[in-house]
């Protein structure tokens, strides 16, 4: 069904993850460290990456950052650390989801399948507001005619906002809509992604309006 890159230096954990992904019908590519992961990603089309943070040579944060420069594939990060700051750092670098060890391989498979389903939804029409245009069929975003690169979650946020102009969404609603009800994070994740999305949109970030104590809305007429 999908090509999944598993980046994990612990062989036993790597085998367990691969077994469950294969049970789900997916093809697995293995990398023992960050360097191998980037080589595989460069030379093979991947649909999703499961990425451990603590690895030799290049840690998961560095790999995530470099992978984002190559692809917008969904990324699930794995770590033994439960610190909220570590999770937020991963999201800032472009991770889409996060699981803390020890974890259930069945839940990991469910998260992977959910991300794959969301990334495969591709309506045909173009959505435009101001100088921003989205082509959902290809997940491409253009700013004043120039293509810009967004992470998977930044794209989903922008697409959701532009598909629902003028509607107010709380941080909890955005978290549930974009990350899912089983997401292991806090509403700060929403703020972090909107901050980086605004940076990439430049002056057009004016369309994303913050409402004190209410959340956010995408305003067309500004």
N, C-alpha and C. Protein backbone atom coordinates (compact mmCIF):
# COMPACT_ATOMS: atom_id res chain seq x y z
N UNK A 1 0.82 -1.21 0.00
CA UNK A 1 0.00 0.00 0.00
C UNK A 1 0.85 1.27 0.00
N UNK A 2 1.89 1.30 0.86
CA UNK A 2 2.72 2.49 0.96
C UNK A 2 4.16 2.08 1.23
N UNK A 3 5.11 2.94 0.82
CA UNK A 3 6.52 2.74 1.14
C UNK A 3 6.82 3.51 2.42
N UNK A 4 7.24 2.78 3.46
CA UNK A 4 7.51 3.40 4.75
C UNK A 4 8.98 3.24 5.10
N UNK A 5 9.63 4.34 5.42
CA UNK A 5 11.03 4.34 5.83
C UNK A 5 11.09 4.31 7.36
N UNK A 6 11.71 3.26 7.90
CA UNK A 6 11.86 3.11 9.35
C UNK A 6 13.30 3.43 9.72
N UNK A 7 13.48 4.48 10.49
CA UNK A 7 14.82 4.93 10.88
C UNK A 7 14.98 4.68 12.38
N UNK A 8 15.67 3.62 12.72
CA UNK A 8 15.79 3.16 14.11
C UNK A 8 17.07 2.37 14.26
N UNK A 9 17.93 2.77 15.23
CA UNK A 9 19.23 2.10 15.38
C UNK A 9 19.15 0.84 16.24
N UNK A 10 18.04 0.63 16.97
CA UNK A 10 17.88 -0.58 17.76
C UNK A 10 17.23 -1.66 16.87
N UNK A 11 17.99 -2.70 16.57
CA UNK A 11 17.54 -3.71 15.61
C UNK A 11 16.24 -4.37 16.04
N UNK A 12 16.11 -4.68 17.32
CA UNK A 12 14.90 -5.34 17.79
C UNK A 12 13.68 -4.46 17.58
N UNK A 13 13.81 -3.19 17.92
CA UNK A 13 12.71 -2.25 17.73
C UNK A 13 12.40 -2.07 16.25
N UNK A 14 13.44 -2.00 15.45
CA UNK A 14 13.27 -1.88 14.00
C UNK A 14 12.46 -3.05 13.43
N UNK A 15 12.79 -4.26 13.88
CA UNK A 15 12.08 -5.45 13.40
C UNK A 15 10.62 -5.47 13.84
N UNK A 16 10.35 -5.03 15.07
CA UNK A 16 8.98 -5.01 15.58
C UNK A 16 8.13 -4.03 14.77
N UNK A 17 8.68 -2.83 14.55
CA UNK A 17 7.94 -1.83 13.79
C UNK A 17 7.68 -2.33 12.36
N UNK A 18 8.71 -2.90 11.74
CA UNK A 18 8.57 -3.39 10.38
C UNK A 18 7.51 -4.49 10.29
N UNK A 19 7.50 -5.38 11.28
CA UNK A 19 6.52 -6.47 11.27
C UNK A 19 5.10 -5.92 11.26
N UNK A 20 4.83 -4.93 12.10
CA UNK A 20 3.47 -4.38 12.17
C UNK A 20 3.12 -3.58 10.92
N UNK A 21 4.08 -2.84 10.37
CA UNK A 21 3.82 -2.09 9.14
C UNK A 21 3.52 -3.05 7.99
N UNK A 22 4.26 -4.17 7.94
CA UNK A 22 4.03 -5.15 6.89
C UNK A 22 2.69 -5.86 7.06
N UNK A 23 2.28 -6.06 8.31
CA UNK A 23 0.94 -6.62 8.56
C UNK A 23 -0.14 -5.70 7.98
N UNK A 24 0.16 -4.41 7.98
CA UNK A 24 -0.78 -3.44 7.42
C UNK A 24 -0.70 -3.34 5.91
N UNK A 25 0.14 -4.18 5.30
CA UNK A 25 0.25 -4.20 3.85
C UNK A 25 1.27 -3.26 3.26
N UNK A 26 2.12 -2.68 4.11
CA UNK A 26 3.08 -1.69 3.64
C UNK A 26 4.44 -2.33 3.34
N UNK A 27 5.21 -1.67 2.48
CA UNK A 27 6.58 -2.06 2.18
C UNK A 27 7.53 -1.23 3.03
N UNK A 28 8.47 -1.90 3.70
CA UNK A 28 9.36 -1.20 4.63
C UNK A 28 10.77 -1.09 4.11
N UNK A 29 11.36 0.07 4.31
CA UNK A 29 12.77 0.32 4.04
C UNK A 29 13.42 0.64 5.39
N UNK A 30 14.57 0.04 5.66
CA UNK A 30 15.21 0.19 6.97
C UNK A 30 16.47 1.06 6.89
N UNK A 31 16.66 1.88 7.92
CA UNK A 31 17.88 2.67 8.06
C UNK A 31 18.33 2.59 9.51
N UNK A 32 19.61 2.30 9.72
CA UNK A 32 20.15 2.18 11.09
C UNK A 32 20.58 3.51 11.67
N UNK A 33 20.77 4.51 10.82
CA UNK A 33 21.16 5.84 11.30
C UNK A 33 20.65 6.90 10.34
N UNK A 34 20.87 8.16 10.73
CA UNK A 34 20.36 9.27 9.95
C UNK A 34 20.97 9.41 8.57
N UNK A 35 22.25 9.10 8.45
CA UNK A 35 22.93 9.22 7.16
C UNK A 35 22.30 8.27 6.14
N UNK A 36 22.12 7.00 6.56
CA UNK A 36 21.49 6.02 5.67
C UNK A 36 20.06 6.44 5.33
N UNK A 37 19.35 7.00 6.30
CA UNK A 37 17.97 7.41 6.06
C UNK A 37 17.88 8.45 4.96
N UNK A 38 18.76 9.44 4.99
CA UNK A 38 18.72 10.50 3.98
C UNK A 38 19.09 9.97 2.59
N UNK A 39 20.00 9.00 2.56
CA UNK A 39 20.36 8.39 1.28
C UNK A 39 19.17 7.63 0.69
N UNK A 40 18.49 6.87 1.53
CA UNK A 40 17.32 6.12 1.07
C UNK A 40 16.24 7.08 0.60
N UNK A 41 16.01 8.13 1.37
CA UNK A 41 14.98 9.10 1.03
C UNK A 41 15.30 9.81 -0.29
N UNK A 42 16.57 10.05 -0.53
CA UNK A 42 16.99 10.73 -1.75
C UNK A 42 16.77 9.86 -2.98
N UNK A 43 16.95 8.55 -2.83
CA UNK A 43 16.95 7.66 -3.99
C UNK A 43 15.69 6.82 -4.15
N UNK A 44 14.75 6.94 -3.21
CA UNK A 44 13.54 6.12 -3.28
C UNK A 44 12.32 6.95 -2.90
N UNK A 45 11.22 6.80 -3.64
CA UNK A 45 10.00 7.53 -3.26
C UNK A 45 9.38 6.93 -2.01
N UNK A 46 9.26 7.74 -0.95
CA UNK A 46 8.69 7.28 0.31
C UNK A 46 7.36 7.98 0.57
N UNK A 47 6.45 7.25 1.20
CA UNK A 47 5.14 7.80 1.53
C UNK A 47 5.04 8.26 2.98
N UNK A 48 5.94 7.72 3.84
CA UNK A 48 5.91 8.06 5.26
C UNK A 48 7.23 7.64 5.90
N UNK A 49 7.66 8.38 6.92
CA UNK A 49 8.89 8.02 7.63
C UNK A 49 8.60 7.93 9.13
N UNK A 50 9.06 6.84 9.74
CA UNK A 50 9.02 6.65 11.19
C UNK A 50 10.45 6.87 11.68
N UNK A 51 10.66 7.89 12.48
CA UNK A 51 12.00 8.41 12.75
C UNK A 51 12.32 8.46 14.24
N UNK A 52 13.31 7.68 14.66
CA UNK A 52 13.78 7.73 16.05
C UNK A 52 14.63 8.98 16.24
N UNK A 53 14.62 9.54 17.44
CA UNK A 53 15.41 10.75 17.69
C UNK A 53 16.83 10.43 18.09
N UNK A 54 17.02 9.50 19.03
CA UNK A 54 18.35 9.21 19.55
C UNK A 54 19.06 8.20 18.66
N UNK A 55 19.94 8.71 17.77
CA UNK A 55 20.67 7.85 16.85
C UNK A 55 22.10 8.35 16.68
N UNK A 56 23.00 7.47 16.24
CA UNK A 56 24.38 7.90 15.99
C UNK A 56 24.48 8.74 14.72
N UNK A 57 25.58 9.48 14.61
CA UNK A 57 25.92 10.29 13.43
C UNK A 57 25.01 11.51 13.27
N UNK A 58 23.74 11.28 13.00
CA UNK A 58 22.77 12.36 12.91
C UNK A 58 21.56 11.99 13.76
N UNK A 59 21.14 12.88 14.65
CA UNK A 59 19.96 12.54 15.44
C UNK A 59 18.69 12.80 14.62
N UNK A 60 17.57 12.40 15.19
CA UNK A 60 16.31 12.51 14.47
C UNK A 60 15.92 13.94 14.14
N UNK A 61 16.27 14.88 15.01
CA UNK A 61 15.95 16.28 14.74
C UNK A 61 16.66 16.76 13.47
N UNK A 62 17.94 16.44 13.35
CA UNK A 62 18.70 16.84 12.16
C UNK A 62 18.15 16.17 10.91
N UNK A 63 17.81 14.88 11.03
CA UNK A 63 17.26 14.15 9.89
C UNK A 63 15.92 14.76 9.47
N UNK A 64 15.08 15.06 10.44
CA UNK A 64 13.77 15.65 10.15
C UNK A 64 13.93 16.96 9.40
N UNK A 65 14.83 17.80 9.86
CA UNK A 65 15.04 19.09 9.22
C UNK A 65 15.51 18.92 7.77
N UNK A 66 16.47 18.03 7.55
CA UNK A 66 16.99 17.82 6.19
C UNK A 66 15.98 17.10 5.30
N UNK A 67 15.22 16.19 5.89
CA UNK A 67 14.19 15.48 5.12
C UNK A 67 13.14 16.46 4.61
N UNK A 68 12.80 17.45 5.43
CA UNK A 68 11.80 18.43 5.05
C UNK A 68 12.25 19.27 3.84
N UNK A 69 13.57 19.39 3.65
CA UNK A 69 14.08 20.11 2.50
C UNK A 69 13.99 19.27 1.22
N UNK A 70 13.77 17.96 1.39
CA UNK A 70 13.71 17.04 0.27
C UNK A 70 12.29 16.58 -0.07
N UNK A 71 11.41 16.56 0.92
CA UNK A 71 10.10 15.94 0.73
C UNK A 71 9.11 16.48 1.76
N UNK A 72 7.82 16.40 1.42
CA UNK A 72 6.77 16.76 2.38
C UNK A 72 6.05 15.53 2.91
N UNK A 73 6.73 14.37 2.86
CA UNK A 73 6.11 13.13 3.35
C UNK A 73 5.79 13.24 4.83
N UNK A 74 4.73 12.58 5.31
CA UNK A 74 4.43 12.58 6.75
C UNK A 74 5.56 11.94 7.55
N UNK A 75 5.85 12.50 8.73
CA UNK A 75 6.92 12.00 9.60
C UNK A 75 6.37 11.77 11.00
N UNK A 76 6.56 10.55 11.52
CA UNK A 76 6.24 10.24 12.91
C UNK A 76 7.56 10.08 13.66
N UNK A 77 7.75 10.85 14.72
CA UNK A 77 9.00 10.77 15.49
C UNK A 77 8.81 9.88 16.71
N UNK A 78 9.85 9.10 17.02
CA UNK A 78 9.86 8.21 18.17
C UNK A 78 10.94 8.67 19.15
N UNK A 79 10.63 8.61 20.44
CA UNK A 79 11.64 9.02 21.41
C UNK A 79 11.36 8.41 22.77
N UNK A 80 12.42 8.28 23.56
CA UNK A 80 12.27 7.86 24.94
C UNK A 80 12.01 9.06 25.84
N UNK A 81 12.13 10.26 25.29
CA UNK A 81 11.93 11.48 26.05
C UNK A 81 10.47 11.92 25.97
N UNK A 82 9.92 12.29 27.11
CA UNK A 82 8.53 12.73 27.13
C UNK A 82 8.41 14.24 27.31
N UNK A 83 9.54 14.96 27.28
CA UNK A 83 9.53 16.40 27.49
C UNK A 83 8.70 17.09 26.41
N UNK A 84 7.84 18.01 26.84
CA UNK A 84 7.03 18.77 25.90
C UNK A 84 7.91 19.60 24.97
N UNK A 85 9.02 20.14 25.49
CA UNK A 85 9.92 20.94 24.66
C UNK A 85 10.51 20.12 23.53
N UNK A 86 10.85 18.84 23.80
CA UNK A 86 11.39 17.98 22.76
C UNK A 86 10.34 17.75 21.67
N UNK A 87 9.09 17.55 22.10
CA UNK A 87 8.02 17.33 21.12
C UNK A 87 7.81 18.58 20.28
N UNK A 88 7.79 19.74 20.92
CA UNK A 88 7.58 20.98 20.17
C UNK A 88 8.74 21.24 19.20
N UNK A 89 9.95 20.87 19.59
CA UNK A 89 11.08 21.03 18.69
C UNK A 89 10.88 20.18 17.44
N UNK A 90 10.41 18.94 17.64
CA UNK A 90 10.14 18.07 16.50
C UNK A 90 9.08 18.66 15.59
N UNK A 91 8.01 19.21 16.15
CA UNK A 91 6.96 19.80 15.33
C UNK A 91 7.46 21.02 14.58
N UNK A 92 8.30 21.82 15.24
CA UNK A 92 8.85 23.00 14.58
C UNK A 92 9.70 22.62 13.37
N UNK A 93 10.34 21.46 13.44
CA UNK A 93 11.19 21.00 12.34
C UNK A 93 10.40 20.28 11.26
N UNK A 94 9.11 20.06 11.49
CA UNK A 94 8.28 19.48 10.43
C UNK A 94 7.68 18.13 10.72
N UNK A 95 7.85 17.60 11.95
CA UNK A 95 7.24 16.31 12.26
C UNK A 95 5.72 16.45 12.29
N UNK A 96 5.02 15.37 11.94
CA UNK A 96 3.57 15.38 11.91
C UNK A 96 2.95 14.74 13.14
N UNK A 97 3.66 13.79 13.74
CA UNK A 97 3.12 13.12 14.91
C UNK A 97 4.29 12.64 15.76
N UNK A 98 3.99 12.16 16.96
CA UNK A 98 5.02 11.87 17.95
C UNK A 98 4.56 10.70 18.80
N UNK A 99 5.44 9.75 19.08
CA UNK A 99 5.13 8.67 20.01
C UNK A 99 6.30 8.49 20.97
N UNK A 100 5.96 8.33 22.24
CA UNK A 100 6.96 8.18 23.29
C UNK A 100 7.13 6.70 23.63
N UNK A 101 8.39 6.24 23.67
CA UNK A 101 8.69 4.86 24.05
C UNK A 101 8.48 4.67 25.54
N UNK A 102 7.98 3.52 25.97
CA UNK A 102 7.49 2.40 25.15
C UNK A 102 6.11 2.73 24.56
N UNK A 103 5.81 2.17 23.40
CA UNK A 103 4.55 2.45 22.75
C UNK A 103 3.97 1.17 22.17
N UNK A 104 2.71 1.24 21.80
CA UNK A 104 2.03 0.10 21.19
C UNK A 104 2.28 0.11 19.68
N UNK A 105 2.87 -0.95 19.11
CA UNK A 105 3.05 -1.01 17.66
C UNK A 105 1.73 -0.92 16.90
N UNK A 106 0.66 -1.43 17.51
CA UNK A 106 -0.65 -1.35 16.86
C UNK A 106 -1.12 0.10 16.75
N UNK A 107 -0.86 0.89 17.80
CA UNK A 107 -1.23 2.31 17.76
C UNK A 107 -0.36 3.03 16.74
N UNK A 108 0.92 2.68 16.67
CA UNK A 108 1.82 3.28 15.68
C UNK A 108 1.31 3.00 14.27
N UNK A 109 0.89 1.77 14.00
CA UNK A 109 0.34 1.42 12.68
C UNK A 109 -0.92 2.24 12.40
N UNK A 110 -1.76 2.39 13.40
CA UNK A 110 -2.99 3.17 13.22
C UNK A 110 -2.67 4.63 12.90
N UNK A 111 -1.68 5.19 13.59
CA UNK A 111 -1.28 6.56 13.32
C UNK A 111 -0.71 6.69 11.91
N UNK A 112 0.11 5.72 11.51
CA UNK A 112 0.69 5.74 10.17
C UNK A 112 -0.41 5.68 9.11
N UNK A 113 -1.37 4.80 9.30
CA UNK A 113 -2.47 4.67 8.34
C UNK A 113 -3.30 5.95 8.26
N UNK A 114 -3.51 6.58 9.42
CA UNK A 114 -4.28 7.83 9.45
C UNK A 114 -3.56 8.93 8.68
N UNK A 115 -2.25 9.04 8.88
CA UNK A 115 -1.48 10.05 8.15
C UNK A 115 -1.47 9.77 6.66
N UNK A 116 -1.35 8.50 6.29
CA UNK A 116 -1.35 8.14 4.87
C UNK A 116 -2.69 8.46 4.22
N UNK A 117 -3.79 8.22 4.95
CA UNK A 117 -5.11 8.54 4.40
C UNK A 117 -5.26 10.04 4.20
N UNK A 118 -4.82 10.81 5.17
CA UNK A 118 -4.96 12.27 5.05
C UNK A 118 -4.11 12.82 3.92
N UNK A 119 -2.91 12.29 3.76
CA UNK A 119 -2.02 12.81 2.72
C UNK A 119 -2.45 12.39 1.33
N UNK A 120 -3.31 11.38 1.23
CA UNK A 120 -3.74 10.90 -0.09
C UNK A 120 -5.02 11.58 -0.56
N UNK A 121 -5.68 12.35 0.32
CA UNK A 121 -6.90 13.06 -0.09
C UNK A 121 -6.51 14.21 -1.01
N UNK A 122 -7.06 14.22 -2.21
CA UNK A 122 -6.61 15.19 -3.20
C UNK A 122 -7.76 15.70 -4.06
N UNK A 123 -8.54 16.65 -3.55
CA UNK A 123 -9.57 17.26 -4.38
C UNK A 123 -8.94 17.95 -5.58
N UNK A 124 -9.70 18.12 -6.64
CA UNK A 124 -9.13 18.58 -7.91
C UNK A 124 -9.06 20.10 -8.02
N UNK A 125 -9.93 20.84 -7.33
CA UNK A 125 -10.03 22.27 -7.57
C UNK A 125 -8.87 23.04 -6.96
N UNK A 126 -8.64 24.23 -7.51
CA UNK A 126 -7.65 25.14 -6.95
C UNK A 126 -8.36 26.10 -6.00
N UNK A 127 -7.77 26.36 -4.85
CA UNK A 127 -8.34 27.30 -3.88
C UNK A 127 -7.41 28.51 -3.80
N UNK A 128 -7.98 29.69 -3.96
CA UNK A 128 -7.17 30.91 -3.95
C UNK A 128 -7.79 31.96 -3.03
N UNK A 129 -6.93 32.59 -2.26
CA UNK A 129 -7.32 33.74 -1.43
C UNK A 129 -6.17 34.73 -1.46
N UNK A 130 -6.46 35.95 -1.87
CA UNK A 130 -5.39 36.93 -1.97
C UNK A 130 -4.30 36.45 -2.93
N UNK A 131 -3.08 36.43 -2.44
CA UNK A 131 -1.95 35.98 -3.25
C UNK A 131 -1.60 34.51 -3.01
N UNK A 132 -2.44 33.83 -2.21
CA UNK A 132 -2.20 32.43 -1.87
C UNK A 132 -3.06 31.53 -2.75
N UNK A 133 -2.45 30.53 -3.35
CA UNK A 133 -3.19 29.54 -4.14
C UNK A 133 -2.74 28.14 -3.74
N UNK A 134 -3.71 27.24 -3.59
CA UNK A 134 -3.43 25.84 -3.27
C UNK A 134 -3.98 24.97 -4.40
N UNK A 135 -3.17 24.00 -4.82
CA UNK A 135 -3.63 22.98 -5.76
C UNK A 135 -3.69 21.67 -4.98
N UNK A 136 -4.86 21.31 -4.44
CA UNK A 136 -4.96 20.13 -3.58
C UNK A 136 -4.54 18.84 -4.26
N UNK A 137 -4.75 18.72 -5.56
CA UNK A 137 -4.41 17.48 -6.25
C UNK A 137 -2.92 17.16 -6.14
N UNK A 138 -2.10 18.19 -6.05
CA UNK A 138 -0.64 17.97 -5.97
C UNK A 138 -0.06 18.45 -4.65
N UNK A 139 -0.91 18.99 -3.75
CA UNK A 139 -0.46 19.53 -2.46
C UNK A 139 0.56 20.65 -2.66
N UNK A 140 0.41 21.40 -3.74
CA UNK A 140 1.33 22.51 -4.00
C UNK A 140 0.70 23.82 -3.56
N UNK A 141 1.54 24.70 -3.03
CA UNK A 141 1.10 26.00 -2.55
C UNK A 141 1.91 27.08 -3.24
N UNK A 142 1.21 28.11 -3.73
CA UNK A 142 1.88 29.20 -4.43
C UNK A 142 1.58 30.52 -3.73
N UNK A 143 2.60 31.33 -3.61
CA UNK A 143 2.49 32.65 -2.99
C UNK A 143 2.91 33.67 -4.04
N UNK A 144 1.93 34.45 -4.50
CA UNK A 144 2.16 35.45 -5.55
C UNK A 144 2.81 34.79 -6.78
N UNK A 145 2.35 33.59 -7.11
CA UNK A 145 2.83 32.89 -8.30
C UNK A 145 4.07 32.05 -8.10
N UNK A 146 4.71 32.14 -6.94
CA UNK A 146 5.92 31.37 -6.67
C UNK A 146 5.60 30.23 -5.70
N UNK A 147 6.03 29.01 -6.06
CA UNK A 147 5.76 27.87 -5.19
C UNK A 147 6.55 27.99 -3.89
N UNK A 148 5.89 27.69 -2.78
CA UNK A 148 6.57 27.66 -1.48
C UNK A 148 6.45 26.26 -0.89
N UNK A 149 7.37 25.93 -0.02
CA UNK A 149 7.42 24.60 0.59
C UNK A 149 6.85 24.64 2.00
N UNK A 150 5.82 23.84 2.23
CA UNK A 150 5.23 23.70 3.56
C UNK A 150 5.40 22.28 4.05
N UNK A 151 5.46 22.11 5.36
CA UNK A 151 5.43 20.75 5.91
C UNK A 151 4.03 20.19 5.71
N UNK A 152 3.89 18.89 5.93
CA UNK A 152 2.59 18.24 5.74
C UNK A 152 1.52 18.88 6.62
N UNK A 153 1.83 19.12 7.88
CA UNK A 153 0.86 19.69 8.80
C UNK A 153 0.60 21.17 8.51
N UNK A 154 1.60 21.91 8.10
CA UNK A 154 1.39 23.30 7.70
C UNK A 154 0.44 23.36 6.51
N UNK A 155 0.64 22.44 5.56
CA UNK A 155 -0.25 22.38 4.40
C UNK A 155 -1.68 22.06 4.84
N UNK A 156 -1.84 21.06 5.70
CA UNK A 156 -3.17 20.68 6.15
C UNK A 156 -3.87 21.83 6.87
N UNK A 157 -3.13 22.55 7.69
CA UNK A 157 -3.70 23.71 8.39
C UNK A 157 -4.17 24.77 7.39
N UNK A 158 -3.30 25.12 6.44
CA UNK A 158 -3.65 26.14 5.46
C UNK A 158 -4.83 25.71 4.61
N UNK A 159 -4.83 24.45 4.17
CA UNK A 159 -5.93 23.93 3.36
C UNK A 159 -7.23 23.97 4.15
N UNK A 160 -7.18 23.59 5.41
CA UNK A 160 -8.37 23.59 6.26
C UNK A 160 -8.90 25.01 6.45
N UNK A 161 -7.99 25.95 6.74
CA UNK A 161 -8.39 27.34 6.91
C UNK A 161 -9.04 27.89 5.64
N UNK A 162 -8.38 27.68 4.50
CA UNK A 162 -8.87 28.25 3.25
C UNK A 162 -10.16 27.57 2.79
N UNK A 163 -10.40 26.36 3.24
CA UNK A 163 -11.64 25.66 2.90
C UNK A 163 -12.80 26.08 3.81
N UNK A 164 -12.46 26.76 4.91
CA UNK A 164 -13.48 27.18 5.89
C UNK A 164 -13.28 28.65 6.26
N UNK A 165 -13.33 29.55 5.28
CA UNK A 165 -13.06 30.97 5.57
C UNK A 165 -14.09 31.57 6.51
N UNK A 166 -13.58 32.42 7.40
CA UNK A 166 -14.45 33.15 8.30
C UNK A 166 -14.91 32.38 9.52
N UNK A 167 -14.67 31.08 9.56
CA UNK A 167 -15.10 30.29 10.71
C UNK A 167 -14.05 30.32 11.82
N UNK A 168 -14.50 30.40 13.04
CA UNK A 168 -13.60 30.44 14.19
C UNK A 168 -13.38 29.02 14.70
N UNK A 169 -12.12 28.66 14.89
CA UNK A 169 -11.78 27.33 15.40
C UNK A 169 -10.90 27.49 16.63
N UNK A 170 -11.25 26.79 17.69
CA UNK A 170 -10.42 26.79 18.89
C UNK A 170 -9.17 25.96 18.62
N UNK A 171 -8.19 26.09 19.49
CA UNK A 171 -6.98 25.29 19.35
C UNK A 171 -7.31 23.81 19.49
N UNK A 172 -8.23 23.49 20.39
CA UNK A 172 -8.62 22.09 20.57
C UNK A 172 -9.28 21.53 19.31
N UNK A 173 -10.12 22.33 18.65
CA UNK A 173 -10.76 21.89 17.42
C UNK A 173 -9.74 21.66 16.31
N UNK A 174 -8.78 22.57 16.19
CA UNK A 174 -7.75 22.40 15.17
C UNK A 174 -6.88 21.19 15.46
N UNK A 175 -6.58 20.98 16.74
CA UNK A 175 -5.79 19.82 17.13
C UNK A 175 -6.51 18.53 16.74
N UNK A 176 -7.79 18.46 17.01
CA UNK A 176 -8.57 17.25 16.68
C UNK A 176 -8.73 17.07 15.18
N UNK A 177 -8.96 18.17 14.46
CA UNK A 177 -9.19 18.07 13.02
C UNK A 177 -7.92 17.71 12.26
N UNK A 178 -6.80 18.31 12.64
CA UNK A 178 -5.57 18.15 11.86
C UNK A 178 -4.70 17.01 12.39
N UNK A 179 -4.61 16.88 13.72
CA UNK A 179 -3.73 15.86 14.30
C UNK A 179 -4.47 14.60 14.72
N UNK A 180 -5.76 14.71 14.96
CA UNK A 180 -6.54 13.54 15.36
C UNK A 180 -6.76 13.48 16.85
N UNK A 181 -7.80 12.76 17.25
CA UNK A 181 -8.19 12.70 18.67
C UNK A 181 -7.18 11.93 19.51
N UNK A 182 -6.36 11.06 18.89
CA UNK A 182 -5.41 10.26 19.65
C UNK A 182 -4.03 10.91 19.71
N UNK A 183 -3.95 12.19 19.34
CA UNK A 183 -2.68 12.89 19.29
C UNK A 183 -2.08 13.05 20.68
N UNK A 184 -0.75 12.78 20.82
CA UNK A 184 -0.06 12.89 22.10
C UNK A 184 0.63 14.24 22.24
N UNK A 185 -0.13 15.28 22.30
CA UNK A 185 0.47 16.60 22.40
C UNK A 185 -0.49 17.59 23.01
N UNK A 186 -0.09 18.88 23.05
CA UNK A 186 -0.91 19.93 23.64
C UNK A 186 -1.28 20.95 22.58
N UNK A 187 -2.11 21.90 22.97
CA UNK A 187 -2.54 22.93 22.02
C UNK A 187 -1.39 23.86 21.63
N UNK A 188 -0.29 23.83 22.36
CA UNK A 188 0.88 24.62 21.95
C UNK A 188 1.38 24.19 20.57
N UNK A 189 1.12 22.94 20.22
CA UNK A 189 1.50 22.44 18.91
C UNK A 189 0.83 23.25 17.81
N UNK A 190 -0.43 23.60 18.00
CA UNK A 190 -1.15 24.40 17.01
C UNK A 190 -0.48 25.76 16.85
N UNK A 191 -0.18 26.41 17.97
CA UNK A 191 0.46 27.73 17.92
C UNK A 191 1.81 27.66 17.21
N UNK A 192 2.57 26.61 17.47
CA UNK A 192 3.89 26.46 16.86
C UNK A 192 3.77 26.34 15.34
N UNK A 193 2.83 25.52 14.87
CA UNK A 193 2.67 25.34 13.42
C UNK A 193 2.12 26.59 12.75
N UNK A 194 1.22 27.28 13.41
CA UNK A 194 0.70 28.51 12.82
C UNK A 194 1.79 29.58 12.77
N UNK A 195 2.67 29.61 13.76
CA UNK A 195 3.79 30.56 13.74
C UNK A 195 4.68 30.33 12.52
N UNK A 196 5.06 29.07 12.27
CA UNK A 196 5.94 28.78 11.12
C UNK A 196 5.20 28.98 9.81
N UNK A 197 3.88 28.67 9.79
CA UNK A 197 3.09 28.89 8.58
C UNK A 197 3.03 30.38 8.25
N UNK A 198 2.82 31.20 9.26
CA UNK A 198 2.78 32.65 9.04
C UNK A 198 4.11 33.17 8.50
N UNK A 199 5.20 32.64 9.02
CA UNK A 199 6.52 33.07 8.54
C UNK A 199 6.68 32.80 7.05
N UNK A 200 6.18 31.65 6.60
CA UNK A 200 6.32 31.28 5.20
C UNK A 200 5.36 32.05 4.29
N UNK A 201 4.24 32.50 4.84
CA UNK A 201 3.27 33.25 4.05
C UNK A 201 3.61 34.73 3.97
N UNK A 202 4.53 35.20 4.79
CA UNK A 202 4.92 36.60 4.74
C UNK A 202 3.75 37.54 4.99
N UNK A 203 3.60 38.55 4.12
CA UNK A 203 2.53 39.53 4.29
C UNK A 203 1.14 38.90 4.21
N UNK A 204 1.02 37.79 3.49
CA UNK A 204 -0.28 37.14 3.35
C UNK A 204 -0.72 36.41 4.62
N UNK A 205 0.18 36.37 5.61
CA UNK A 205 -0.20 35.76 6.90
C UNK A 205 -1.28 36.59 7.60
N UNK A 206 -1.55 37.79 7.07
CA UNK A 206 -2.60 38.64 7.63
C UNK A 206 -3.96 37.95 7.58
N UNK A 207 -4.12 36.97 6.69
CA UNK A 207 -5.40 36.27 6.58
C UNK A 207 -5.67 35.37 7.79
N UNK A 208 -4.60 34.93 8.48
CA UNK A 208 -4.77 34.08 9.67
C UNK A 208 -4.88 34.98 10.89
N UNK A 209 -6.07 35.08 11.41
CA UNK A 209 -6.36 36.02 12.49
C UNK A 209 -6.43 35.28 13.83
N UNK A 210 -5.71 35.80 14.82
CA UNK A 210 -5.76 35.25 16.18
C UNK A 210 -6.85 35.95 16.97
N UNK A 211 -7.71 35.17 17.59
CA UNK A 211 -8.79 35.72 18.42
C UNK A 211 -8.49 35.36 19.88
N UNK A 212 -8.27 36.36 20.70
CA UNK A 212 -7.90 36.14 22.09
C UNK A 212 -8.97 35.28 22.78
N UNK A 213 -8.49 34.21 23.42
CA UNK A 213 -9.32 33.27 24.18
C UNK A 213 -10.29 32.45 23.32
N UNK A 214 -10.27 32.67 21.99
CA UNK A 214 -11.18 31.92 21.12
C UNK A 214 -10.45 30.95 20.20
N UNK A 215 -9.34 31.41 19.59
CA UNK A 215 -8.61 30.54 18.67
C UNK A 215 -8.18 31.29 17.44
N UNK A 216 -8.49 30.74 16.26
CA UNK A 216 -8.05 31.32 15.00
C UNK A 216 -9.18 31.27 13.97
N UNK A 217 -9.07 32.17 12.99
CA UNK A 217 -9.92 32.08 11.82
C UNK A 217 -9.16 32.60 10.61
N UNK A 218 -9.61 32.17 9.43
CA UNK A 218 -8.98 32.61 8.18
C UNK A 218 -9.91 33.65 7.56
N UNK A 219 -9.45 34.89 7.56
CA UNK A 219 -10.26 36.01 7.08
C UNK A 219 -9.90 36.31 5.63
N UNK A 220 -10.91 36.31 4.76
CA UNK A 220 -10.67 36.56 3.33
C UNK A 220 -10.50 38.05 3.06
N UNK A 221 -11.40 38.85 3.57
CA UNK A 221 -11.37 40.29 3.30
C UNK A 221 -10.59 41.00 4.39
N UNK A 222 -9.29 41.20 4.16
CA UNK A 222 -8.45 41.94 5.11
C UNK A 222 -7.63 42.99 4.36
